[in-house]
N, C-alpha and C. Protein backbone atom coordinates (compact mmCIF):
# COMPACT_ATOMS: atom_id res chain seq x y z
N MET A 1 128.32 163.53 59.36
CA MET A 1 129.27 162.91 60.29
C MET A 1 128.59 162.66 61.63
N VAL A 2 128.67 161.46 62.13
CA VAL A 2 128.01 161.09 63.39
C VAL A 2 128.95 161.35 64.54
N LYS A 3 128.47 162.13 65.47
CA LYS A 3 129.29 162.45 66.64
C LYS A 3 129.13 161.35 67.67
N ARG A 4 130.27 160.82 68.11
CA ARG A 4 130.25 159.74 69.11
C ARG A 4 130.19 160.32 70.51
N VAL A 5 129.28 159.80 71.28
CA VAL A 5 129.12 160.26 72.67
C VAL A 5 129.65 159.17 73.59
N ARG A 6 130.56 159.55 74.43
CA ARG A 6 131.17 158.58 75.35
C ARG A 6 130.16 158.23 76.44
N GLN A 7 129.90 156.96 76.62
CA GLN A 7 128.95 156.48 77.61
C GLN A 7 129.65 156.32 78.97
N VAL A 8 129.08 156.96 79.98
CA VAL A 8 129.63 156.84 81.33
C VAL A 8 128.94 155.68 82.04
N PRO A 9 129.67 154.73 82.52
CA PRO A 9 129.06 153.59 83.20
C PRO A 9 128.15 154.05 84.33
N GLN A 10 127.08 153.30 84.54
CA GLN A 10 126.09 153.66 85.56
C GLN A 10 126.71 153.71 86.95
N ALA A 11 127.65 152.80 87.25
CA ALA A 11 128.28 152.77 88.57
C ALA A 11 129.05 154.05 88.84
N GLN A 12 129.77 154.55 87.79
CA GLN A 12 130.53 155.78 87.96
C GLN A 12 129.60 156.96 88.18
N ARG A 13 128.48 157.00 87.45
CA ARG A 13 127.53 158.10 87.62
C ARG A 13 126.95 158.10 89.03
N ALA A 14 126.64 156.90 89.54
CA ALA A 14 126.09 156.79 90.89
C ALA A 14 127.09 157.26 91.93
N LYS A 15 128.37 156.88 91.76
CA LYS A 15 129.41 157.28 92.71
C LYS A 15 129.60 158.79 92.70
N ALA A 16 129.60 159.39 91.50
CA ALA A 16 129.76 160.84 91.38
C ALA A 16 128.60 161.56 92.06
N ALA A 17 127.40 161.00 91.93
CA ALA A 17 126.23 161.61 92.57
C ALA A 17 126.35 161.56 94.08
N ARG A 18 126.84 160.41 94.61
CA ARG A 18 126.98 160.29 96.06
C ARG A 18 128.01 161.27 96.59
N ASP A 19 129.15 161.41 95.86
CA ASP A 19 130.20 162.35 96.29
C ASP A 19 129.67 163.77 96.29
N ALA A 20 128.90 164.13 95.27
CA ALA A 20 128.36 165.49 95.18
C ALA A 20 127.40 165.75 96.34
N GLU A 21 126.60 164.74 96.68
CA GLU A 21 125.65 164.89 97.79
C GLU A 21 126.37 165.10 99.11
N LYS A 22 127.49 164.34 99.33
CA LYS A 22 128.26 164.48 100.56
C LYS A 22 128.89 165.86 100.65
N GLU A 23 129.43 166.34 99.51
CA GLU A 23 130.04 167.66 99.51
C GLU A 23 128.99 168.72 99.81
N SER A 24 127.79 168.56 99.26
CA SER A 24 126.72 169.53 99.49
C SER A 24 126.32 169.57 100.96
N ARG A 25 126.23 168.40 101.59
CA ARG A 25 125.88 168.34 103.01
C ARG A 25 126.92 169.04 103.86
N LEU A 26 128.21 168.84 103.54
CA LEU A 26 129.28 169.49 104.29
C LEU A 26 129.19 171.01 104.15
N THR A 27 128.89 171.47 102.93
CA THR A 27 128.79 172.91 102.69
C THR A 27 127.67 173.52 103.49
N VAL A 28 126.51 172.87 103.47
CA VAL A 28 125.35 173.37 104.22
C VAL A 28 125.64 173.41 105.70
N ALA A 29 126.28 172.35 106.22
CA ALA A 29 126.59 172.29 107.64
C ALA A 29 127.55 173.39 108.05
N ALA A 30 128.58 173.63 107.23
CA ALA A 30 129.56 174.67 107.54
C ALA A 30 128.91 176.04 107.53
N ARG A 31 128.03 176.31 106.55
CA ARG A 31 127.36 177.61 106.45
C ARG A 31 126.49 177.84 107.68
N SER A 32 125.80 176.81 108.15
CA SER A 32 124.94 176.93 109.32
C SER A 32 125.73 177.27 110.57
N VAL A 33 126.90 176.61 110.72
CA VAL A 33 127.73 176.86 111.90
C VAL A 33 128.23 178.29 111.94
N PHE A 34 128.72 178.80 110.82
CA PHE A 34 129.27 180.15 110.77
C PHE A 34 128.19 181.21 110.96
N GLN A 35 126.97 180.94 110.55
CA GLN A 35 125.87 181.87 110.78
C GLN A 35 125.59 181.99 112.27
N ARG A 36 125.69 180.88 112.99
CA ARG A 36 125.46 180.92 114.43
C ARG A 36 126.56 181.68 115.15
N LEU A 37 127.79 181.61 114.61
CA LEU A 37 128.91 182.30 115.24
C LEU A 37 128.73 183.82 115.23
N ARG A 38 127.95 184.32 114.29
CA ARG A 38 127.75 185.77 114.21
C ARG A 38 127.07 186.32 115.46
N GLY A 39 126.25 185.46 116.09
CA GLY A 39 125.54 185.91 117.28
C GLY A 39 126.34 185.78 118.56
N LEU A 40 127.57 185.26 118.46
CA LEU A 40 128.42 185.10 119.65
C LEU A 40 129.49 186.17 119.68
N GLY A 41 130.13 186.32 120.81
CA GLY A 41 131.19 187.33 120.88
C GLY A 41 132.26 186.95 121.86
N GLY A 42 133.41 187.60 121.73
CA GLY A 42 134.53 187.45 122.66
C GLY A 42 135.00 186.04 122.85
N ARG A 43 135.03 185.65 124.12
CA ARG A 43 135.59 184.35 124.48
C ARG A 43 134.75 183.21 123.93
N ARG A 44 133.44 183.41 123.88
CA ARG A 44 132.55 182.35 123.38
C ARG A 44 132.86 182.05 121.92
N ILE A 45 133.23 183.08 121.18
CA ILE A 45 133.60 182.85 119.77
C ILE A 45 134.86 182.00 119.68
N THR A 46 135.84 182.28 120.55
CA THR A 46 137.10 181.52 120.53
C THR A 46 136.85 180.04 120.80
N VAL A 47 136.04 179.78 121.85
CA VAL A 47 135.73 178.39 122.19
C VAL A 47 134.95 177.71 121.08
N ALA A 48 133.98 178.41 120.55
CA ALA A 48 133.17 177.84 119.48
C ALA A 48 134.00 177.57 118.23
N THR A 49 134.92 178.50 117.94
CA THR A 49 135.77 178.32 116.76
C THR A 49 136.60 177.05 116.89
N GLY A 50 137.14 176.82 118.09
CA GLY A 50 137.92 175.59 118.31
C GLY A 50 137.08 174.36 118.08
N ALA A 51 135.86 174.39 118.55
CA ALA A 51 134.97 173.24 118.35
C ALA A 51 134.68 173.02 116.87
N VAL A 52 134.49 174.13 116.15
CA VAL A 52 134.23 174.01 114.72
C VAL A 52 135.39 173.37 114.00
N VAL A 53 136.61 173.76 114.40
CA VAL A 53 137.80 173.18 113.75
C VAL A 53 137.84 171.68 113.95
N VAL A 54 137.54 171.24 115.19
CA VAL A 54 137.55 169.81 115.47
C VAL A 54 136.49 169.09 114.66
N VAL A 55 135.27 169.67 114.65
CA VAL A 55 134.19 169.03 113.91
C VAL A 55 134.52 168.96 112.43
N ALA A 56 135.08 170.05 111.90
CA ALA A 56 135.42 170.08 110.48
C ALA A 56 136.47 169.03 110.15
N ALA A 57 137.46 168.88 111.04
CA ALA A 57 138.52 167.89 110.79
C ALA A 57 137.95 166.49 110.76
N VAL A 58 137.04 166.21 111.72
CA VAL A 58 136.42 164.89 111.75
C VAL A 58 135.59 164.65 110.50
N ALA A 59 134.86 165.69 110.08
CA ALA A 59 134.01 165.55 108.90
C ALA A 59 134.82 165.30 107.64
N VAL A 60 135.92 166.06 107.49
CA VAL A 60 136.76 165.88 106.31
C VAL A 60 137.39 164.50 106.30
N THR A 61 137.86 164.05 107.48
CA THR A 61 138.46 162.72 107.56
C THR A 61 137.46 161.64 107.18
N GLY A 62 136.24 161.77 107.70
CA GLY A 62 135.21 160.80 107.36
C GLY A 62 134.89 160.80 105.88
N TYR A 63 134.89 162.00 105.30
CA TYR A 63 134.59 162.09 103.86
C TYR A 63 135.67 161.42 103.03
N LEU A 64 136.94 161.68 103.41
CA LEU A 64 138.04 161.07 102.66
C LEU A 64 138.02 159.56 102.79
N LEU A 65 137.72 159.08 104.00
CA LEU A 65 137.65 157.63 104.18
C LEU A 65 136.51 157.02 103.39
N SER A 66 135.41 157.79 103.27
CA SER A 66 134.26 157.27 102.53
C SER A 66 134.53 157.14 101.05
N ARG A 67 135.56 157.87 100.59
CA ARG A 67 135.89 157.81 99.17
C ARG A 67 136.89 156.72 98.86
N ASP A 68 137.29 155.96 99.90
CA ASP A 68 138.21 154.85 99.68
C ASP A 68 137.59 153.86 98.71
N ASP A 69 138.36 153.42 97.75
CA ASP A 69 137.82 152.53 96.72
C ASP A 69 137.65 151.09 97.22
N GLY A 70 137.98 150.86 98.49
CA GLY A 70 137.75 149.53 99.06
C GLY A 70 138.76 148.48 98.65
N LYS A 71 139.90 148.92 98.12
CA LYS A 71 140.91 147.95 97.71
C LYS A 71 141.50 147.27 98.93
N ARG A 72 141.80 146.00 98.79
CA ARG A 72 142.36 145.19 99.89
C ARG A 72 143.78 145.64 100.18
N GLN A 73 144.08 145.84 101.47
CA GLN A 73 145.41 146.24 101.89
C GLN A 73 146.32 145.01 101.96
N LEU A 74 147.46 145.10 101.33
CA LEU A 74 148.39 143.98 101.33
C LEU A 74 149.20 143.97 102.61
N PRO A 75 149.57 142.80 103.13
CA PRO A 75 150.36 142.73 104.36
C PRO A 75 151.77 143.22 104.12
N ASP A 76 152.43 143.63 105.21
CA ASP A 76 153.80 144.11 105.13
C ASP A 76 154.73 142.94 104.80
N THR A 77 155.35 143.01 103.63
CA THR A 77 156.21 141.91 103.18
C THR A 77 157.57 141.93 103.87
N ARG A 78 157.85 143.00 104.65
CA ARG A 78 159.16 143.08 105.29
C ARG A 78 159.24 142.19 106.53
N ALA A 79 158.11 141.77 107.06
CA ALA A 79 158.11 140.91 108.24
C ALA A 79 158.63 139.52 107.87
N ARG A 80 159.67 139.09 108.58
CA ARG A 80 160.26 137.80 108.27
C ARG A 80 159.62 136.71 109.12
N HIS A 81 159.30 135.60 108.51
CA HIS A 81 158.71 134.47 109.21
C HIS A 81 159.80 133.45 109.49
N TYR A 82 160.07 133.19 110.76
CA TYR A 82 161.15 132.28 111.13
C TYR A 82 160.66 130.85 111.26
N LYS A 83 161.58 129.94 110.99
CA LYS A 83 161.31 128.53 111.24
C LYS A 83 161.44 128.28 112.74
N ASP A 84 160.88 127.19 113.20
CA ASP A 84 160.97 126.84 114.61
C ASP A 84 162.27 126.09 114.88
N ILE A 85 163.38 126.73 114.48
CA ILE A 85 164.71 126.16 114.67
C ILE A 85 165.62 127.26 115.22
N ASP A 86 166.35 126.95 116.28
CA ASP A 86 167.21 127.94 116.93
C ASP A 86 168.68 127.54 116.85
N ALA A 87 169.50 128.49 116.44
CA ALA A 87 170.95 128.32 116.46
C ALA A 87 171.49 129.28 117.51
N CYS A 88 172.22 128.76 118.51
CA CYS A 88 172.65 129.57 119.65
C CYS A 88 174.17 129.55 119.78
N LEU A 89 174.71 130.72 120.09
CA LEU A 89 176.16 130.86 120.19
C LEU A 89 176.58 131.10 121.63
N LEU A 90 177.56 130.33 122.10
CA LEU A 90 178.14 130.51 123.43
C LEU A 90 179.49 131.17 123.27
N THR A 91 179.69 132.33 123.92
CA THR A 91 180.93 133.08 123.76
C THR A 91 181.56 133.38 125.11
N GLY A 92 182.76 133.96 125.07
CA GLY A 92 183.41 134.44 126.28
C GLY A 92 182.75 135.71 126.77
N LYS A 93 183.33 136.34 127.78
CA LYS A 93 182.71 137.50 128.41
C LYS A 93 182.58 138.70 127.48
N ASN A 94 183.41 138.77 126.44
CA ASN A 94 183.34 139.91 125.53
C ASN A 94 182.21 139.79 124.50
N GLY A 95 181.51 138.68 124.52
CA GLY A 95 180.39 138.53 123.60
C GLY A 95 180.81 138.59 122.14
N ILE A 96 180.07 139.38 121.36
CA ILE A 96 180.34 139.48 119.92
C ILE A 96 180.96 140.84 119.60
N THR A 97 181.87 141.28 120.44
CA THR A 97 182.56 142.55 120.22
C THR A 97 183.22 142.57 118.85
N ALA A 98 183.12 143.71 118.16
CA ALA A 98 183.69 143.83 116.82
C ALA A 98 185.18 143.50 116.83
N GLY A 99 185.60 142.76 115.82
CA GLY A 99 187.01 142.39 115.69
C GLY A 99 187.37 141.07 116.35
N THR A 100 186.45 140.47 117.07
CA THR A 100 186.73 139.19 117.72
C THR A 100 186.27 138.03 116.83
N THR A 101 186.76 136.84 117.16
CA THR A 101 186.34 135.65 116.42
C THR A 101 184.83 135.44 116.58
N ALA A 102 184.32 135.72 117.79
CA ALA A 102 182.89 135.55 118.03
C ALA A 102 182.05 136.45 117.13
N ALA A 103 182.55 137.65 116.86
CA ALA A 103 181.83 138.57 115.98
C ALA A 103 181.73 138.00 114.57
N GLU A 104 182.81 137.39 114.10
CA GLU A 104 182.81 136.80 112.77
C GLU A 104 181.87 135.59 112.71
N VAL A 105 181.86 134.81 113.78
CA VAL A 105 180.96 133.66 113.85
C VAL A 105 179.50 134.14 113.85
N TRP A 106 179.24 135.19 114.59
CA TRP A 106 177.89 135.74 114.66
C TRP A 106 177.42 136.24 113.29
N GLN A 107 178.32 136.85 112.54
CA GLN A 107 177.98 137.30 111.19
C GLN A 107 177.62 136.11 110.30
N GLY A 108 178.38 135.02 110.44
CA GLY A 108 178.07 133.82 109.67
C GLY A 108 176.72 133.25 110.05
N MET A 109 176.37 133.30 111.33
CA MET A 109 175.07 132.81 111.78
C MET A 109 173.94 133.68 111.21
N GLN A 110 174.15 134.98 111.16
CA GLN A 110 173.15 135.87 110.60
C GLN A 110 172.97 135.62 109.10
N ASP A 111 174.08 135.34 108.41
CA ASP A 111 173.99 135.00 106.98
C ASP A 111 173.13 133.75 106.80
N ALA A 112 173.35 132.77 107.65
CA ALA A 112 172.58 131.53 107.56
C ALA A 112 171.11 131.77 107.89
N SER A 113 170.85 132.67 108.82
CA SER A 113 169.47 132.98 109.19
C SER A 113 168.72 133.61 108.02
N LEU A 114 169.38 134.47 107.26
CA LEU A 114 168.75 135.09 106.10
C LEU A 114 168.37 134.05 105.06
N THR A 115 169.19 133.01 104.94
CA THR A 115 168.95 131.97 103.94
C THR A 115 167.93 130.93 104.40
N THR A 116 168.02 130.55 105.67
CA THR A 116 167.19 129.44 106.17
C THR A 116 166.00 129.89 107.01
N HIS A 117 166.02 131.15 107.47
CA HIS A 117 164.97 131.68 108.36
C HIS A 117 165.01 131.03 109.74
N ALA A 118 166.16 130.51 110.12
CA ALA A 118 166.31 129.99 111.48
C ALA A 118 166.56 131.17 112.43
N ARG A 119 166.13 131.03 113.67
CA ARG A 119 166.38 132.07 114.66
C ARG A 119 167.80 131.92 115.20
N VAL A 120 168.48 133.04 115.46
CA VAL A 120 169.84 133.00 116.01
C VAL A 120 169.92 133.87 117.26
N SER A 121 170.75 133.46 118.21
CA SER A 121 170.94 134.21 119.44
C SER A 121 172.32 133.87 120.00
N TYR A 122 172.76 134.63 121.01
CA TYR A 122 174.05 134.32 121.62
C TYR A 122 173.99 134.61 123.11
N ALA A 123 174.90 133.96 123.87
CA ALA A 123 174.96 134.14 125.31
C ALA A 123 176.42 134.20 125.74
N PRO A 124 176.87 135.31 126.34
CA PRO A 124 178.25 135.40 126.82
C PRO A 124 178.41 134.77 128.20
N VAL A 125 179.56 134.15 128.42
CA VAL A 125 179.88 133.56 129.72
C VAL A 125 180.64 134.59 130.54
N THR A 126 180.15 134.92 131.70
CA THR A 126 180.84 135.88 132.57
C THR A 126 181.48 135.15 133.75
N GLY A 127 182.44 135.80 134.34
CA GLY A 127 183.11 135.17 135.49
C GLY A 127 184.38 134.46 135.09
N GLU A 128 184.74 133.45 135.85
CA GLU A 128 185.99 132.71 135.63
C GLU A 128 186.02 132.05 134.25
N PRO A 129 187.11 132.24 133.50
CA PRO A 129 187.23 131.63 132.17
C PRO A 129 187.61 130.16 132.26
N SER A 130 186.65 129.32 132.62
CA SER A 130 186.92 127.89 132.73
C SER A 130 185.74 127.11 132.17
N ALA A 131 185.99 125.85 131.81
CA ALA A 131 184.93 125.00 131.29
C ALA A 131 183.85 124.78 132.33
N ALA A 132 184.25 124.64 133.59
CA ALA A 132 183.28 124.43 134.67
C ALA A 132 182.32 125.61 134.79
N ASN A 133 182.86 126.82 134.63
CA ASN A 133 182.02 128.01 134.72
C ASN A 133 181.15 128.17 133.48
N ALA A 134 181.60 127.66 132.35
CA ALA A 134 180.85 127.80 131.10
C ALA A 134 179.68 126.83 131.02
N ARG A 135 179.75 125.71 131.74
CA ARG A 135 178.71 124.67 131.62
C ARG A 135 177.32 125.17 131.99
N PRO A 136 177.14 125.92 133.08
CA PRO A 136 175.78 126.39 133.38
C PRO A 136 175.18 127.25 132.27
N TYR A 137 176.01 128.05 131.61
CA TYR A 137 175.53 128.87 130.50
C TYR A 137 175.15 127.99 129.31
N LEU A 138 175.97 126.96 129.08
CA LEU A 138 175.66 126.02 128.00
C LEU A 138 174.37 125.27 128.31
N ASN A 139 174.22 124.85 129.55
CA ASN A 139 172.98 124.16 129.94
C ASN A 139 171.76 125.05 129.73
N GLY A 140 171.94 126.35 129.95
CA GLY A 140 170.84 127.26 129.73
C GLY A 140 170.40 127.28 128.28
N LEU A 141 171.36 127.21 127.35
CA LEU A 141 171.02 127.16 125.93
C LEU A 141 170.30 125.86 125.59
N LEU A 142 170.76 124.78 126.16
CA LEU A 142 170.13 123.48 125.89
C LEU A 142 168.71 123.42 126.46
N GLN A 143 168.51 124.04 127.61
CA GLN A 143 167.18 124.07 128.20
C GLN A 143 166.23 124.94 127.38
N ARG A 144 166.78 125.88 126.63
CA ARG A 144 165.97 126.72 125.74
C ARG A 144 165.65 125.99 124.44
N SER A 145 166.06 124.73 124.35
CA SER A 145 165.80 123.90 123.16
C SER A 145 166.52 124.43 121.93
N CYS A 146 167.76 124.86 122.10
CA CYS A 146 168.57 125.26 120.94
C CYS A 146 168.86 124.00 120.11
N ASP A 147 168.64 124.08 118.81
CA ASP A 147 168.85 122.93 117.93
C ASP A 147 170.29 122.83 117.45
N VAL A 148 170.94 123.99 117.28
CA VAL A 148 172.34 124.04 116.87
C VAL A 148 173.06 124.93 117.87
N VAL A 149 174.12 124.41 118.49
CA VAL A 149 174.88 125.16 119.48
C VAL A 149 176.29 125.38 118.95
N LEU A 150 176.70 126.63 118.90
CA LEU A 150 178.05 126.98 118.47
C LEU A 150 178.81 127.49 119.69
N ALA A 151 180.10 127.19 119.76
CA ALA A 151 180.91 127.61 120.90
C ALA A 151 182.20 128.25 120.41
N VAL A 152 182.55 129.40 120.99
CA VAL A 152 183.78 130.12 120.66
C VAL A 152 184.53 130.41 121.95
N GLY A 153 185.82 130.14 121.97
CA GLY A 153 186.63 130.33 123.17
C GLY A 153 186.98 128.98 123.77
N LYS A 154 188.18 128.84 124.27
CA LYS A 154 188.63 127.53 124.75
C LYS A 154 187.77 126.95 125.87
N PRO A 155 187.42 127.70 126.91
CA PRO A 155 186.56 127.12 127.96
C PRO A 155 185.19 126.73 127.41
N GLU A 156 184.64 127.59 126.55
CA GLU A 156 183.32 127.34 126.01
C GLU A 156 183.32 126.12 125.08
N VAL A 157 184.36 126.00 124.27
CA VAL A 157 184.47 124.86 123.36
C VAL A 157 184.66 123.57 124.14
N THR A 158 185.46 123.63 125.20
CA THR A 158 185.67 122.43 126.02
C THR A 158 184.37 121.97 126.66
N ALA A 159 183.61 122.93 127.20
CA ALA A 159 182.33 122.59 127.83
C ALA A 159 181.38 121.97 126.81
N ALA A 160 181.35 122.53 125.61
CA ALA A 160 180.46 122.00 124.56
C ALA A 160 180.92 120.63 124.10
N ALA A 161 182.23 120.43 123.98
CA ALA A 161 182.76 119.14 123.54
C ALA A 161 182.43 118.04 124.55
N GLN A 162 182.51 118.36 125.83
CA GLN A 162 182.22 117.38 126.87
C GLN A 162 180.73 117.08 126.98
N THR A 163 179.90 118.04 126.57
CA THR A 163 178.45 117.89 126.70
C THR A 163 177.81 117.26 125.47
N ALA A 164 178.42 117.44 124.32
CA ALA A 164 177.83 117.00 123.05
C ALA A 164 177.39 115.53 123.04
N PRO A 165 178.19 114.59 123.56
CA PRO A 165 177.77 113.18 123.50
C PRO A 165 176.46 112.90 124.23
N GLN A 166 176.09 113.75 125.17
CA GLN A 166 174.87 113.53 125.95
C GLN A 166 173.63 114.10 125.24
N TYR A 167 173.84 114.87 124.18
CA TYR A 167 172.73 115.50 123.46
C TYR A 167 172.86 115.20 121.97
N GLN A 168 172.58 113.97 121.60
CA GLN A 168 172.74 113.54 120.22
C GLN A 168 171.77 114.23 119.25
N LYS A 169 170.66 114.76 119.77
CA LYS A 169 169.69 115.43 118.90
C LYS A 169 170.06 116.89 118.65
N VAL A 170 171.10 117.37 119.32
CA VAL A 170 171.56 118.74 119.14
C VAL A 170 172.85 118.72 118.33
N ASP A 171 172.96 119.63 117.37
CA ASP A 171 174.18 119.72 116.56
C ASP A 171 175.10 120.78 117.16
N PHE A 172 176.36 120.45 117.31
CA PHE A 172 177.35 121.36 117.90
C PHE A 172 178.37 121.77 116.85
N VAL A 173 178.73 123.05 116.87
CA VAL A 173 179.80 123.57 116.01
C VAL A 173 180.84 124.19 116.92
N LEU A 174 182.02 123.58 116.97
CA LEU A 174 183.10 124.03 117.84
C LEU A 174 184.09 124.85 117.03
N VAL A 175 184.38 126.06 117.49
CA VAL A 175 185.24 126.98 116.75
C VAL A 175 186.56 127.14 117.47
N GLY A 176 187.65 126.88 116.79
CA GLY A 176 188.97 127.05 117.37
C GLY A 176 190.04 126.50 116.47
N ASP A 177 191.29 126.88 116.73
CA ASP A 177 192.40 126.41 115.90
C ASP A 177 192.54 124.90 115.96
N ASP A 178 192.33 124.35 117.15
CA ASP A 178 192.50 122.91 117.29
C ASP A 178 191.15 122.19 117.37
N GLY A 179 190.06 123.00 117.52
CA GLY A 179 188.74 122.41 117.61
C GLY A 179 188.51 121.66 118.90
N ALA A 180 189.49 121.69 119.80
CA ALA A 180 189.38 120.87 121.01
C ALA A 180 189.21 121.69 122.27
N GLY A 181 189.33 123.00 122.18
CA GLY A 181 189.12 123.85 123.34
C GLY A 181 190.28 123.80 124.31
N SER A 182 190.02 124.15 125.55
CA SER A 182 191.06 124.23 126.56
C SER A 182 191.57 122.84 126.93
N LYS A 183 192.88 122.72 127.01
CA LYS A 183 193.48 121.43 127.38
C LYS A 183 194.21 121.60 128.70
N THR A 184 193.44 121.91 129.71
CA THR A 184 194.05 122.16 131.01
C THR A 184 194.42 120.85 131.72
N ASP A 185 193.80 119.75 131.31
CA ASP A 185 194.18 118.47 131.89
C ASP A 185 193.91 117.36 130.88
N ALA A 186 194.35 116.16 131.20
CA ALA A 186 194.24 115.04 130.26
C ALA A 186 192.79 114.69 129.97
N LYS A 187 191.93 114.78 130.98
CA LYS A 187 190.52 114.44 130.78
C LYS A 187 189.87 115.39 129.77
N ASP A 188 190.13 116.68 129.92
CA ASP A 188 189.58 117.65 128.98
C ASP A 188 190.04 117.33 127.56
N ALA A 189 191.30 117.01 127.40
CA ALA A 189 191.84 116.72 126.08
C ALA A 189 191.17 115.49 125.48
N LYS A 190 190.99 114.45 126.29
CA LYS A 190 190.36 113.24 125.78
C LYS A 190 188.90 113.49 125.40
N ASP A 191 188.17 114.20 126.25
CA ASP A 191 186.76 114.50 125.95
C ASP A 191 186.63 115.30 124.66
N ALA A 192 187.53 116.26 124.50
CA ALA A 192 187.48 117.10 123.31
C ALA A 192 187.78 116.29 122.05
N LYS A 193 188.77 115.41 122.13
CA LYS A 193 189.12 114.59 120.97
C LYS A 193 188.00 113.62 120.63
N ASP A 194 187.35 113.08 121.66
CA ASP A 194 186.23 112.17 121.41
C ASP A 194 185.08 112.91 120.73
N ALA A 195 184.87 114.15 121.11
CA ALA A 195 183.78 114.92 120.54
C ALA A 195 184.00 115.20 119.06
N GLU A 196 185.26 115.37 118.67
CA GLU A 196 185.57 115.67 117.27
C GLU A 196 185.07 114.57 116.34
N SER A 197 185.05 113.34 116.81
CA SER A 197 184.63 112.22 115.97
C SER A 197 183.13 111.93 116.09
N ALA A 198 182.42 112.67 116.93
CA ALA A 198 180.99 112.44 117.12
C ALA A 198 180.22 112.92 115.90
N LYS A 199 179.11 112.27 115.63
CA LYS A 199 178.31 112.61 114.45
C LYS A 199 177.62 113.95 114.58
N ASN A 200 177.38 114.39 115.80
CA ASN A 200 176.67 115.65 115.98
C ASN A 200 177.59 116.83 116.25
N VAL A 201 178.87 116.68 115.93
CA VAL A 201 179.85 117.75 116.16
C VAL A 201 180.55 118.12 114.86
N THR A 202 180.62 119.43 114.60
CA THR A 202 181.36 119.96 113.46
C THR A 202 182.44 120.89 114.00
N VAL A 203 183.64 120.77 113.47
CA VAL A 203 184.76 121.61 113.90
C VAL A 203 185.03 122.66 112.83
N ALA A 204 185.06 123.93 113.24
CA ALA A 204 185.37 125.05 112.34
C ALA A 204 186.64 125.71 112.82
N HIS A 205 187.56 125.95 111.91
CA HIS A 205 188.86 126.53 112.27
C HIS A 205 188.88 128.02 111.99
N THR A 206 189.52 128.78 112.87
CA THR A 206 189.63 130.22 112.70
C THR A 206 190.53 130.54 111.51
N GLY A 207 190.40 131.76 111.01
CA GLY A 207 191.20 132.18 109.87
C GLY A 207 190.30 132.69 108.75
N ASP A 208 190.90 132.89 107.59
CA ASP A 208 190.15 133.39 106.44
C ASP A 208 189.01 132.42 106.08
N GLY A 209 187.87 133.01 105.81
CA GLY A 209 186.74 132.18 105.39
C GLY A 209 185.91 131.62 106.53
N LEU A 210 186.20 132.03 107.77
CA LEU A 210 185.45 131.48 108.91
C LEU A 210 183.97 131.84 108.81
N ARG A 211 183.68 133.08 108.43
CA ARG A 211 182.28 133.51 108.35
C ARG A 211 181.49 132.62 107.39
N ALA A 212 182.05 132.38 106.23
CA ALA A 212 181.37 131.54 105.24
C ALA A 212 181.28 130.10 105.72
N GLU A 213 182.32 129.63 106.42
CA GLU A 213 182.31 128.26 106.93
C GLU A 213 181.21 128.08 107.97
N ILE A 214 181.06 129.07 108.84
CA ILE A 214 180.00 129.00 109.85
C ILE A 214 178.63 129.05 109.20
N ALA A 215 178.46 129.95 108.24
CA ALA A 215 177.17 130.05 107.55
C ALA A 215 176.81 128.73 106.89
N GLY A 216 177.79 128.10 106.24
CA GLY A 216 177.54 126.83 105.58
C GLY A 216 177.20 125.73 106.57
N ALA A 217 177.90 125.71 107.70
CA ALA A 217 177.65 124.67 108.71
C ALA A 217 176.24 124.81 109.29
N VAL A 218 175.85 126.03 109.62
CA VAL A 218 174.52 126.25 110.18
C VAL A 218 173.44 125.94 109.15
N GLU A 219 173.64 126.34 107.92
CA GLU A 219 172.67 126.06 106.86
C GLU A 219 172.47 124.56 106.69
N ARG A 220 173.56 123.79 106.70
CA ARG A 220 173.45 122.34 106.55
C ARG A 220 172.65 121.73 107.68
N GLU A 221 172.93 122.16 108.90
CA GLU A 221 172.23 121.58 110.04
C GLU A 221 170.76 121.95 110.04
N VAL A 222 170.44 123.21 109.67
CA VAL A 222 169.05 123.65 109.63
C VAL A 222 168.28 122.92 108.53
N ASN A 223 168.90 122.84 107.35
CA ASN A 223 168.23 122.18 106.22
C ASN A 223 168.01 120.69 106.49
N ALA A 224 168.93 120.09 107.24
CA ALA A 224 168.79 118.67 107.57
C ALA A 224 167.58 118.44 108.47
N ARG A 225 167.17 119.48 109.18
CA ARG A 225 166.03 119.35 110.08
C ARG A 225 164.72 119.71 109.37
N GLY A 226 164.84 120.10 108.12
CA GLY A 226 163.63 120.43 107.36
C GLY A 226 163.16 121.83 107.63
């Protein structure tokens, strides 16, 4: 009966030899250090011992790193890569407080961001609850090159409705029961009604399904931009 002898690849034999040599060097170095410690005493031994611990730790770390098989490290797949498209929300002073319409709209925007990889942000309007006071905040979003602007709250919706015709390259989503915002005077009402028929304006109504409606509206606008 012929006994089969398992052949060890030359590369594996070479690697095993290198590891054995490294381990031998570490052993010799450690033995030499401890022999020197015998000639020391008291405080000098304490200081020297601390140094030995540090040296040993560095040596062990280097040895472990040297045994790395050299496999390529894969990048972190959890990092999300966003498109160069921004969807921005204009809200009242309460922002996206839980339980508010703005909070539900914000959730819909986040849903759309997960699907499209568009960036989302929001800006609350502080101070007087009027369209005039909301306009500077809206202008700030437009100056930040927001591609899709959503507005929640009557003053905010009115300001967005009046501004939309001047920014045809920006898509607006107006949220409200009437989609027209505050109707404090006839001019506001007319501007809001005109905005509803504009090509760059989408009206979303509050109630059941608002989150999904917002997500769908943002997704459509983002996908239309490629």
